[in-house]
PDB file of all heavy atoms in Angstrom:
ATOM      1  N   PHE A   1       0.808  -1.258   0.025  1.00  0.00           N
ATOM      2  CA  PHE A   1      -0.045  -0.039   0.006  1.00  0.00           C
ATOM      3  C   PHE A   1       0.799   1.156   0.024  1.00  0.00           C
ATOM      4  O   PHE A   1       1.890   1.342   0.636  1.00  0.00           O
ATOM      5  CB  PHE A   1      -0.865   0.005   1.216  1.00  0.00           C
ATOM      6  CG  PHE A   1      -1.972  -0.935   1.181  1.00  0.00           C
ATOM      7  CD1 PHE A   1      -1.848  -2.126   1.827  1.00  0.00           C
ATOM      8  CD2 PHE A   1      -3.141  -0.623   0.419  1.00  0.00           C
ATOM      9  CE1 PHE A   1      -2.961  -3.075   1.759  1.00  0.00           C
ATOM     10  CE2 PHE A   1      -4.149  -1.586   0.439  1.00  0.00           C
ATOM     11  CZ  PHE A   1      -4.105  -2.815   1.024  1.00  0.00           C
ATOM     12  N   HIS A   2       0.306   2.286  -0.667  1.00  0.00           N
ATOM     13  CA  HIS A   2       0.797   3.665  -0.584  1.00  0.00           C
ATOM     14  C   HIS A   2       0.525   4.120   0.873  1.00  0.00           C
ATOM     15  O   HIS A   2      -0.428   3.799   1.413  1.00  0.00           O
ATOM     16  CB  HIS A   2       0.178   4.553  -1.585  1.00  0.00           C
ATOM     17  CG  HIS A   2       0.825   5.819  -1.759  1.00  0.00           C
ATOM     18  ND1 HIS A   2       0.469   6.915  -0.925  1.00  0.00           N
ATOM     19  CD2 HIS A   2       1.660   6.231  -2.754  1.00  0.00           C
ATOM     20  CE1 HIS A   2       1.218   7.950  -1.390  1.00  0.00           C
ATOM     21  NE2 HIS A   2       1.856   7.603  -2.481  1.00  0.00           N
ATOM     22  N   ASP A   3       1.507   4.947   1.396  1.00  0.00           N
ATOM     23  CA  ASP A   3       1.272   5.494   2.717  1.00  0.00           C
ATOM     24  C   ASP A   3      -0.062   6.207   2.951  1.00  0.00           C
ATOM     25  O   ASP A   3      -0.648   6.097   4.007  1.00  0.00           O
ATOM     26  CB  ASP A   3       2.439   6.445   3.156  1.00  0.00           C
ATOM     27  CG  ASP A   3       3.678   5.700   3.364  1.00  0.00           C
ATOM     28  OD1 ASP A   3       3.715   4.529   3.594  1.00  0.00           O
ATOM     29  OD2 ASP A   3       4.822   6.308   3.274  1.00  0.00           O
ATOM     30  N   ASP A   4      -0.518   6.797   1.867  1.00  0.00           N
ATOM     31  CA  ASP A   4      -1.746   7.697   1.895  1.00  0.00           C
ATOM     32  C   ASP A   4      -2.892   6.913   1.254  1.00  0.00           C
ATOM     33  O   ASP A   4      -3.876   7.538   0.727  1.00  0.00           O
ATOM     34  CB  ASP A   4      -1.561   9.085   1.299  1.00  0.00           C
ATOM     35  CG  ASP A   4      -0.437   9.802   1.940  1.00  0.00           C
ATOM     36  OD1 ASP A   4      -0.386   9.718   3.171  1.00  0.00           O
ATOM     37  OD2 ASP A   4       0.350  10.475   1.163  1.00  0.00           O
ATOM     38  N   VAL A   5      -3.006   5.568   1.325  1.00  0.00           N
ATOM     39  CA  VAL A   5      -4.055   4.840   0.781  1.00  0.00           C
ATOM     40  C   VAL A   5      -5.398   5.137   1.273  1.00  0.00           C
ATOM     41  O   VAL A   5      -5.488   5.564   2.375  1.00  0.00           O
ATOM     42  CB  VAL A   5      -3.843   3.214   0.902  1.00  0.00           C
ATOM     43  CG1 VAL A   5      -3.896   2.896   2.360  1.00  0.00           C
ATOM     44  CG2 VAL A   5      -4.836   2.476   0.067  1.00  0.00           C
ATOM     45  N   THR A   6      -6.353   5.325   0.449  1.00  0.00           N
ATOM     46  CA  THR A   6      -7.728   5.468   0.830  1.00  0.00           C
ATOM     47  C   THR A   6      -8.544   4.214   0.522  1.00  0.00           C
ATOM     48  O   THR A   6      -8.385   3.518  -0.448  1.00  0.00           O
ATOM     49  CB  THR A   6      -8.449   6.654   0.061  1.00  0.00           C
ATOM     50  OG1 THR A   6      -8.512   6.274  -1.250  1.00  0.00           O
ATOM     51  CG2 THR A   6      -7.798   7.956   0.363  1.00  0.00           C
ATOM     52  N   VAL A   7      -9.374   3.863   1.573  1.00  0.00           N
ATOM     53  CA  VAL A   7     -10.004   2.533   1.567  1.00  0.00           C
ATOM     54  C   VAL A   7     -11.509   2.837   1.741  1.00  0.00           C
ATOM     55  O   VAL A   7     -11.980   3.652   2.714  1.00  0.00           O
ATOM     56  CB  VAL A   7      -9.576   1.549   2.572  1.00  0.00           C
ATOM     57  CG1 VAL A   7     -10.373   0.307   2.543  1.00  0.00           C
ATOM     58  CG2 VAL A   7      -8.097   1.245   2.375  1.00  0.00           C
ATOM     59  N   HIS A   8     -12.517   2.453   0.855  1.00  0.00           N
ATOM     60  CA  HIS A   8     -13.868   2.664   1.074  1.00  0.00           C
ATOM     61  C   HIS A   8     -14.647   1.338   0.595  1.00  0.00           C
ATOM     62  O   HIS A   8     -14.688   0.956  -0.539  1.00  0.00           O
ATOM     63  CB  HIS A   8     -14.390   3.852   0.190  1.00  0.00           C
ATOM     64  CG  HIS A   8     -15.890   3.999   0.372  1.00  0.00           C
ATOM     65  ND1 HIS A   8     -16.643   4.270  -0.542  1.00  0.00           N
ATOM     66  CD2 HIS A   8     -16.737   4.030   1.475  1.00  0.00           C
ATOM     67  CE1 HIS A   8     -17.867   4.563  -0.161  1.00  0.00           C
ATOM     68  NE2 HIS A   8     -17.888   4.306   1.077  1.00  0.00           N
ATOM     69  N   PHE A   9     -15.098   0.524   1.638  1.00  0.00           N
ATOM     70  CA  PHE A   9     -15.795  -0.692   1.460  1.00  0.00           C
ATOM     71  C   PHE A   9     -17.256  -0.647   1.869  1.00  0.00           C
ATOM     72  O   PHE A   9     -17.473  -0.196   3.026  1.00  0.00           O
ATOM     73  CB  PHE A   9     -15.086  -1.884   2.180  1.00  0.00           C
ATOM     74  CG  PHE A   9     -13.606  -2.128   1.716  1.00  0.00           C
ATOM     75  CD1 PHE A   9     -12.834  -2.867   2.591  1.00  0.00           C
ATOM     76  CD2 PHE A   9     -13.187  -1.894   0.478  1.00  0.00           C
ATOM     77  CE1 PHE A   9     -11.541  -3.074   2.305  1.00  0.00           C
ATOM     78  CE2 PHE A   9     -11.972  -2.129   0.066  1.00  0.00           C
ATOM     79  CZ  PHE A   9     -11.073  -2.776   1.045  1.00  0.00           C
ATOM     80  N   VAL A  10     -18.138  -1.031   1.004  1.00  0.00           N
ATOM     81  CA  VAL A  10     -19.602  -1.049   1.327  1.00  0.00           C
ATOM     82  C   VAL A  10     -20.051  -2.352   1.184  1.00  0.00           C
ATOM     83  O   VAL A  10     -20.059  -3.003   0.150  1.00  0.00           O
ATOM     84  CB  VAL A  10     -20.322  -0.143   0.251  1.00  0.00           C
ATOM     85  CG1 VAL A  10     -21.928  -0.103   0.604  1.00  0.00           C
ATOM     86  CG2 VAL A  10     -19.747   1.204   0.395  1.00  0.00           C
ATOM     87  N   GLY A  11     -20.628  -2.933   2.388  1.00  0.00           N
ATOM     88  CA  GLY A  11     -21.229  -4.235   2.351  1.00  0.00           C
ATOM     89  C   GLY A  11     -22.766  -4.126   2.801  1.00  0.00           C
ATOM     90  O   GLY A  11     -23.246  -3.050   2.753  1.00  0.00           O
ATOM     91  N   GLY A  12     -23.244  -5.245   3.014  1.00  0.00           N
ATOM     92  CA  GLY A  12     -24.698  -5.329   3.306  1.00  0.00           C
ATOM     93  C   GLY A  12     -25.059  -4.524   4.584  1.00  0.00           C
ATOM     94  O   GLY A  12     -26.114  -3.728   4.532  1.00  0.00           O
ATOM     95  N   GLY A  13     -24.312  -4.567   5.668  1.00  0.00           N
ATOM     96  CA  GLY A  13     -24.686  -3.863   6.923  1.00  0.00           C
ATOM     97  C   GLY A  13     -23.460  -2.916   7.363  1.00  0.00           C
ATOM     98  O   GLY A  13     -23.476  -2.610   8.490  1.00  0.00           O
ATOM     99  N   TYR A  14     -22.559  -2.630   6.449  1.00  0.00           N
ATOM    100  CA  TYR A  14     -21.485  -1.783   6.940  1.00  0.00           C
ATOM    101  C   TYR A  14     -20.964  -0.866   5.676  1.00  0.00           C
ATOM    102  O   TYR A  14     -21.119  -1.168   4.612  1.00  0.00           O
ATOM    103  CB  TYR A  14     -20.323  -2.740   7.509  1.00  0.00           C
ATOM    104  CG  TYR A  14     -19.683  -3.571   6.222  1.00  0.00           C
ATOM    105  CD1 TYR A  14     -18.716  -3.045   5.448  1.00  0.00           C
ATOM    106  CD2 TYR A  14     -20.189  -4.880   6.121  1.00  0.00           C
ATOM    107  CE1 TYR A  14     -18.134  -3.944   4.478  1.00  0.00           C
ATOM    108  CE2 TYR A  14     -19.683  -5.685   5.159  1.00  0.00           C
ATOM    109  CZ  TYR A  14     -18.619  -5.222   4.401  1.00  0.00           C
ATOM    110  OH  TYR A  14     -18.129  -6.056   3.377  1.00  0.00           O
ATOM    111  N   GLU A  15     -20.271   0.157   6.167  1.00  0.00           N
ATOM    112  CA  GLU A  15     -19.581   1.008   5.255  1.00  0.00           C
ATOM    113  C   GLU A  15     -18.309   1.371   6.011  1.00  0.00           C
ATOM    114  O   GLU A  15     -18.355   1.967   7.052  1.00  0.00           O
ATOM    115  CB  GLU A  15     -20.306   2.275   4.800  1.00  0.00           C
ATOM    116  CG  GLU A  15     -19.558   3.046   3.867  1.00  0.00           C
ATOM    117  CD  GLU A  15     -20.488   4.320   3.244  1.00  0.00           C
ATOM    118  OE1 GLU A  15     -21.636   4.299   3.658  1.00  0.00           O
ATOM    119  OE2 GLU A  15     -19.885   5.038   2.499  1.00  0.00           O
ATOM    120  N   TRP A  16     -17.135   1.022   5.262  1.00  0.00           N
ATOM    121  CA  TRP A  16     -15.986   1.202   5.935  1.00  0.00           C
ATOM    122  C   TRP A  16     -15.086   2.128   5.277  1.00  0.00           C
ATOM    123  O   TRP A  16     -14.722   2.008   4.073  1.00  0.00           O
ATOM    124  CB  TRP A  16     -15.195  -0.174   6.143  1.00  0.00           C
ATOM    125  CG  TRP A  16     -14.075  -0.370   6.885  1.00  0.00           C
ATOM    126  CD1 TRP A  16     -13.821   0.193   8.097  1.00  0.00           C
ATOM    127  CD2 TRP A  16     -12.893  -1.237   6.618  1.00  0.00           C
ATOM    128  NE1 TRP A  16     -12.499  -0.187   8.615  1.00  0.00           N
ATOM    129  CE2 TRP A  16     -12.112  -1.198   7.651  1.00  0.00           C
ATOM    130  CE3 TRP A  16     -12.648  -2.159   5.609  1.00  0.00           C
ATOM    131  CZ2 TRP A  16     -10.808  -1.841   7.719  1.00  0.00           C
ATOM    132  CZ3 TRP A  16     -11.510  -2.679   5.558  1.00  0.00           C
ATOM    133  CH2 TRP A  16     -10.650  -2.637   6.648  1.00  0.00           C
ATOM    134  N   ASN A  17     -14.692   3.280   5.904  1.00  0.00           N
ATOM    135  CA  ASN A  17     -13.739   4.280   5.280  1.00  0.00           C
ATOM    136  C   ASN A  17     -12.540   4.393   6.146  1.00  0.00           C
ATOM    137  O   ASN A  17     -12.653   4.576   7.329  1.00  0.00           O
ATOM    138  CB  ASN A  17     -14.471   5.676   5.372  1.00  0.00           C
ATOM    139  CG  ASN A  17     -15.583   5.769   4.321  1.00  0.00           C
ATOM    140  OD1 ASN A  17     -15.349   5.739   3.106  1.00  0.00           O
ATOM    141  ND2 ASN A  17     -16.810   5.853   4.802  1.00  0.00           N
ATOM    142  N   VAL A  18     -11.334   4.086   5.504  1.00  0.00           N
ATOM    143  CA  VAL A  18     -10.101   4.179   6.226  1.00  0.00           C
ATOM    144  C   VAL A  18      -9.054   5.117   5.425  1.00  0.00           C
ATOM    145  O   VAL A  18      -9.128   5.064   4.198  1.00  0.00           O
ATOM    146  CB  VAL A  18      -9.495   2.777   6.283  1.00  0.00           C
ATOM    147  CG1 VAL A  18      -8.046   2.787   6.936  1.00  0.00           C
ATOM    148  CG2 VAL A  18     -10.454   1.927   7.130  1.00  0.00           C
ATOM    149  N   GLN A  19      -8.287   5.828   6.049  1.00  0.00           N
ATOM    150  CA  GLN A  19      -7.306   6.673   5.467  1.00  0.00           C
ATOM    151  C   GLN A  19      -5.937   6.379   5.947  1.00  0.00           C
ATOM    152  O   GLN A  19      -5.698   6.492   7.172  1.00  0.00           O
ATOM    153  CB  GLN A  19      -7.545   8.187   5.633  1.00  0.00           C
ATOM    154  CG  GLN A  19      -6.729   9.127   5.079  1.00  0.00           C
ATOM    155  CD  GLN A  19      -6.810   9.096   3.554  1.00  0.00           C
ATOM    156  OE1 GLN A  19      -7.929   9.134   2.974  1.00  0.00           O
ATOM    157  NE2 GLN A  19      -5.698   9.161   2.822  1.00  0.00           N
ATOM    158  N   GLY A  20      -5.056   5.894   5.126  1.00  0.00           N
ATOM    159  CA  GLY A  20      -3.626   5.693   5.465  1.00  0.00           C
ATOM    160  C   GLY A  20      -3.379   4.179   5.717  1.00  0.00           C
ATOM    161  O   GLY A  20      -4.270   3.436   6.066  1.00  0.00           O
ATOM    162  N   LYS A  21      -2.258   3.715   5.321  1.00  0.00           N
ATOM    163  CA  LYS A  21      -1.730   2.398   5.454  1.00  0.00           C
ATOM    164  C   LYS A  21      -1.753   1.886   6.881  1.00  0.00           C
ATOM    165  O   LYS A  21      -2.308   0.721   7.162  1.00  0.00           O
ATOM    166  CB  LYS A  21      -0.350   2.305   4.842  1.00  0.00           C
ATOM    167  CG  LYS A  21       0.196   0.943   5.053  1.00  0.00           C
ATOM    168  CD  LYS A  21       1.630   0.665   4.319  1.00  0.00           C
ATOM    169  CE  LYS A  21       2.647   1.887   4.313  1.00  0.00           C
ATOM    170  NZ  LYS A  21       3.871   1.454   3.724  1.00  0.00           N
ATOM    171  N   ALA A  22      -1.316   2.627   7.809  1.00  0.00           N
ATOM    172  CA  ALA A  22      -1.226   2.202   9.243  1.00  0.00           C
ATOM    173  C   ALA A  22      -2.646   1.852   9.728  1.00  0.00           C
ATOM    174  O   ALA A  22      -2.872   0.763  10.447  1.00  0.00           O
ATOM    175  CB  ALA A  22      -0.500   3.134  10.149  1.00  0.00           C
ATOM    176  N   GLU A  23      -3.627   2.689   9.472  1.00  0.00           N
ATOM    177  CA  GLU A  23      -5.000   2.390   9.958  1.00  0.00           C
ATOM    178  C   GLU A  23      -5.528   1.184   9.372  1.00  0.00           C
ATOM    179  O   GLU A  23      -6.175   0.429   9.925  1.00  0.00           O
ATOM    180  CB  GLU A  23      -5.916   3.645   9.687  1.00  0.00           C
ATOM    181  CG  GLU A  23      -7.252   3.494  10.385  1.00  0.00           C
ATOM    182  CD  GLU A  23      -8.110   4.737  10.124  1.00  0.00           C
ATOM    183  OE1 GLU A  23      -7.671   5.699   9.540  1.00  0.00           O
ATOM    184  OE2 GLU A  23      -9.345   4.584  10.442  1.00  0.00           O
ATOM    185  N   TYR A  24      -5.313   0.983   7.944  1.00  0.00           N
ATOM    186  CA  TYR A  24      -5.768  -0.119   7.223  1.00  0.00           C
ATOM    187  C   TYR A  24      -5.260  -1.420   7.870  1.00  0.00           C
ATOM    188  O   TYR A  24      -5.992  -2.303   8.028  1.00  0.00           O
ATOM    189  CB  TYR A  24      -5.491  -0.038   5.733  1.00  0.00           C
ATOM    190  CG  TYR A  24      -6.121  -1.179   5.049  1.00  0.00           C
ATOM    191  CD1 TYR A  24      -7.510  -1.367   4.788  1.00  0.00           C
ATOM    192  CD2 TYR A  24      -5.270  -2.104   4.522  1.00  0.00           C
ATOM    193  CE1 TYR A  24      -8.056  -2.461   4.227  1.00  0.00           C
ATOM    194  CE2 TYR A  24      -5.818  -3.239   3.892  1.00  0.00           C
ATOM    195  CZ  TYR A  24      -7.203  -3.414   3.630  1.00  0.00           C
ATOM    196  OH  TYR A  24      -7.623  -4.522   3.222  1.00  0.00           O
ATOM    197  N   VAL A  25      -3.979  -1.462   7.919  1.00  0.00           N
ATOM    198  CA  VAL A  25      -3.292  -2.795   8.466  1.00  0.00           C
ATOM    199  C   VAL A  25      -3.782  -3.012   9.813  1.00  0.00           C
ATOM    200  O   VAL A  25      -3.988  -4.214  10.289  1.00  0.00           O
ATOM    201  CB  VAL A  25      -1.795  -2.634   8.400  1.00  0.00           C
ATOM    202  CG1 VAL A  25      -1.066  -3.682   8.979  1.00  0.00           C
ATOM    203  CG2 VAL A  25      -1.364  -2.502   6.826  1.00  0.00           C
ATOM    204  N   ALA A  26      -3.950  -2.065  10.751  1.00  0.00           N
ATOM    205  CA  ALA A  26      -4.451  -2.231  12.088  1.00  0.00           C
ATOM    206  C   ALA A  26      -5.861  -2.833  11.969  1.00  0.00           C
ATOM    207  O   ALA A  26      -6.154  -3.750  12.795  1.00  0.00           O
ATOM    208  CB  ALA A  26      -4.375  -0.959  12.928  1.00  0.00           C
ATOM    209  N   ASN A  27      -6.585  -2.401  11.189  1.00  0.00           N
ATOM    210  CA  ASN A  27      -8.002  -3.082  11.062  1.00  0.00           C
ATOM    211  C   ASN A  27      -7.911  -4.399  10.566  1.00  0.00           C
ATOM    212  O   ASN A  27      -8.759  -5.277  11.040  1.00  0.00           O
ATOM    213  CB  ASN A  27      -8.836  -2.182  10.177  1.00  0.00           C
ATOM    214  CG  ASN A  27      -9.487  -0.890  10.837  1.00  0.00           C
ATOM    215  OD1 ASN A  27     -10.453  -0.987  11.470  1.00  0.00           O
ATOM    216  ND2 ASN A  27      -8.840   0.207  10.741  1.00  0.00           N
ATOM    217  N   ILE A  28      -7.032  -4.677   9.633  1.00  0.00           N
ATOM    218  CA  ILE A  28      -6.926  -6.102   9.058  1.00  0.00           C
ATOM    219  C   ILE A  28      -6.458  -6.995  10.251  1.00  0.00           C
ATOM    220  O   ILE A  28      -6.975  -8.117  10.375  1.00  0.00           O
ATOM    221  CB  ILE A  28      -6.063  -6.100   7.771  1.00  0.00           C
ATOM    222  CG1 ILE A  28      -6.774  -5.451   6.654  1.00  0.00           C
ATOM    223  CG2 ILE A  28      -5.723  -7.605   7.533  1.00  0.00           C
ATOM    224  CD1 ILE A  28      -8.093  -6.174   6.133  1.00  0.00           C
ATOM    225  N   SER A  29      -5.423  -6.479  11.059  1.00  0.00           N
ATOM    226  CA  SER A  29      -4.903  -7.235  12.148  1.00  0.00           C
ATOM    227  C   SER A  29      -6.061  -7.657  13.123  1.00  0.00           C
ATOM    228  O   SER A  29      -6.106  -8.758  13.577  1.00  0.00           O
ATOM    229  CB  SER A  29      -3.850  -6.453  12.845  1.00  0.00           C
ATOM    230  OG  SER A  29      -3.467  -7.079  13.900  1.00  0.00           O
ATOM    231  N   ALA A  30      -6.953  -6.807  13.306  1.00  0.00           N
ATOM    232  CA  ALA A  30      -8.046  -7.075  14.208  1.00  0.00           C
ATOM    233  C   ALA A  30      -9.099  -7.956  13.701  1.00  0.00           C
ATOM    234  O   ALA A  30      -9.579  -8.763  14.435  1.00  0.00           O
ATOM    235  CB  ALA A  30      -8.782  -5.845  14.712  1.00  0.00           C
ATOM    236  N   SER A  31      -9.277  -7.987  12.447  1.00  0.00           N
ATOM    237  CA  SER A  31     -10.291  -8.857  11.831  1.00  0.00           C
ATOM    238  C   SER A  31      -9.814 -10.215  11.524  1.00  0.00           C
ATOM    239  O   SER A  31     -10.655 -11.126  11.511  1.00  0.00           O
ATOM    240  CB  SER A  31     -10.772  -8.157  10.450  1.00  0.00           C
ATOM    241  OG  SER A  31     -11.382  -6.880  10.713  1.00  0.00           O
ATOM    242  N   PHE A  32      -8.587 -10.309  11.163  1.00  0.00           N
ATOM    243  CA  PHE A  32      -8.039 -11.674  10.805  1.00  0.00           C
ATOM    244  C   PHE A  32      -7.213 -12.296  11.906  1.00  0.00           C
ATOM    245  O   PHE A  32      -6.022 -12.379  11.933  1.00  0.00           O
ATOM    246  CB  PHE A  32      -7.186 -11.479   9.458  1.00  0.00           C
ATOM    247  CG  PHE A  32      -8.096 -11.378   8.239  1.00  0.00           C
ATOM    248  CD1 PHE A  32      -8.567 -10.071   8.046  1.00  0.00           C
ATOM    249  CD2 PHE A  32      -8.465 -12.360   7.572  1.00  0.00           C
ATOM    250  CE1 PHE A  32      -9.573  -9.961   6.971  1.00  0.00           C
ATOM    251  CE2 PHE A  32      -9.277 -12.239   6.357  1.00  0.00           C
ATOM    252  CZ  PHE A  32      -9.837 -10.956   6.203  1.00  0.00           C
ATOM    253  N   SER A  33      -7.899 -12.470  12.997  1.00  0.00           N
ATOM    254  CA  SER A  33      -7.346 -13.091  14.198  1.00  0.00           C
ATOM    255  C   SER A  33      -7.280 -14.701  14.229  1.00  0.00           C
ATOM    256  O   SER A  33      -7.779 -15.322  13.210  1.00  0.00           O
ATOM    257  CB  SER A  33      -8.142 -12.637  15.427  1.00  0.00           C
ATOM    258  OG  SER A  33      -9.303 -13.350  15.559  1.00  0.00           O
ATOM    259  N   ARG A  34      -6.886 -15.217  15.301  1.00  0.00           N
ATOM    260  CA  ARG A  34      -7.000 -16.631  15.459  1.00  0.00           C
ATOM    261  C   ARG A  34      -8.275 -17.273  15.482  1.00  0.00           C
ATOM    262  O   ARG A  34      -8.510 -18.432  15.371  1.00  0.00           O
ATOM    263  CB  ARG A  34      -6.085 -17.029  16.727  1.00  0.00           C
ATOM    264  CG  ARG A  34      -4.693 -16.672  16.655  1.00  0.00           C
ATOM    265  CD  ARG A  34      -3.931 -17.258  17.820  1.00  0.00           C
ATOM    266  NE  ARG A  34      -2.497 -17.095  17.476  1.00  0.00           N
ATOM    267  CZ  ARG A  34      -1.670 -16.715  18.369  1.00  0.00           C
ATOM    268  NH1 ARG A  34      -1.933 -16.475  19.703  1.00  0.00           N
ATOM    269  NH2 ARG A  34      -0.372 -16.484  17.997  1.00  0.00           N
ATOM    270  N   GLU A  35      -9.296 -16.269  15.618  1.00  0.00           N
ATOM    271  CA  GLU A  35     -10.689 -16.748  15.650  1.00  0.00           C
ATOM    272  C   GLU A  35     -11.362 -16.463  14.385  1.00  0.00           C
ATOM    273  O   GLU A  35     -12.583 -16.417  14.312  1.00  0.00           O
ATOM    274  CB  GLU A  35     -11.390 -16.036  16.806  1.00  0.00           C
ATOM    275  CG  GLU A  35     -11.131 -16.605  18.157  1.00  0.00           C
ATOM    276  CD  GLU A  35     -11.467 -18.041  18.340  1.00  0.00           C
ATOM    277  OE1 GLU A  35     -12.476 -18.406  17.993  1.00  0.00           O
ATOM    278  OE2 GLU A  35     -10.552 -18.890  18.956  1.00  0.00           O
ATOM    279  N   SER A  36     -10.656 -16.424  13.263  1.00  0.00           N
ATOM    280  CA  SER A  36     -11.263 -16.188  11.984  1.00  0.00           C
ATOM    281  C   SER A  36     -10.682 -17.133  10.955  1.00  0.00           C
ATOM    282  O   SER A  36      -9.564 -17.576  11.094  1.00  0.00           O
ATOM    283  CB  SER A  36     -11.216 -14.800  11.548  1.00  0.00           C
ATOM    284  OG  SER A  36      -9.811 -14.328  11.493  1.00  0.00           O
TER     285      SER A  36
END
C-alpha cells in the first residue's frame, strides 16, 4: 500500500472508510485473528 491509501468498502450492513496504510493494516490485524 501507498502510505496515503484510501479505503472505502460497502457491504450489506457496513460502510468502512479508512485513510492511510497504518490504519488499514491495524483494522486487518483485528479482523483476521486466530478466531477467523
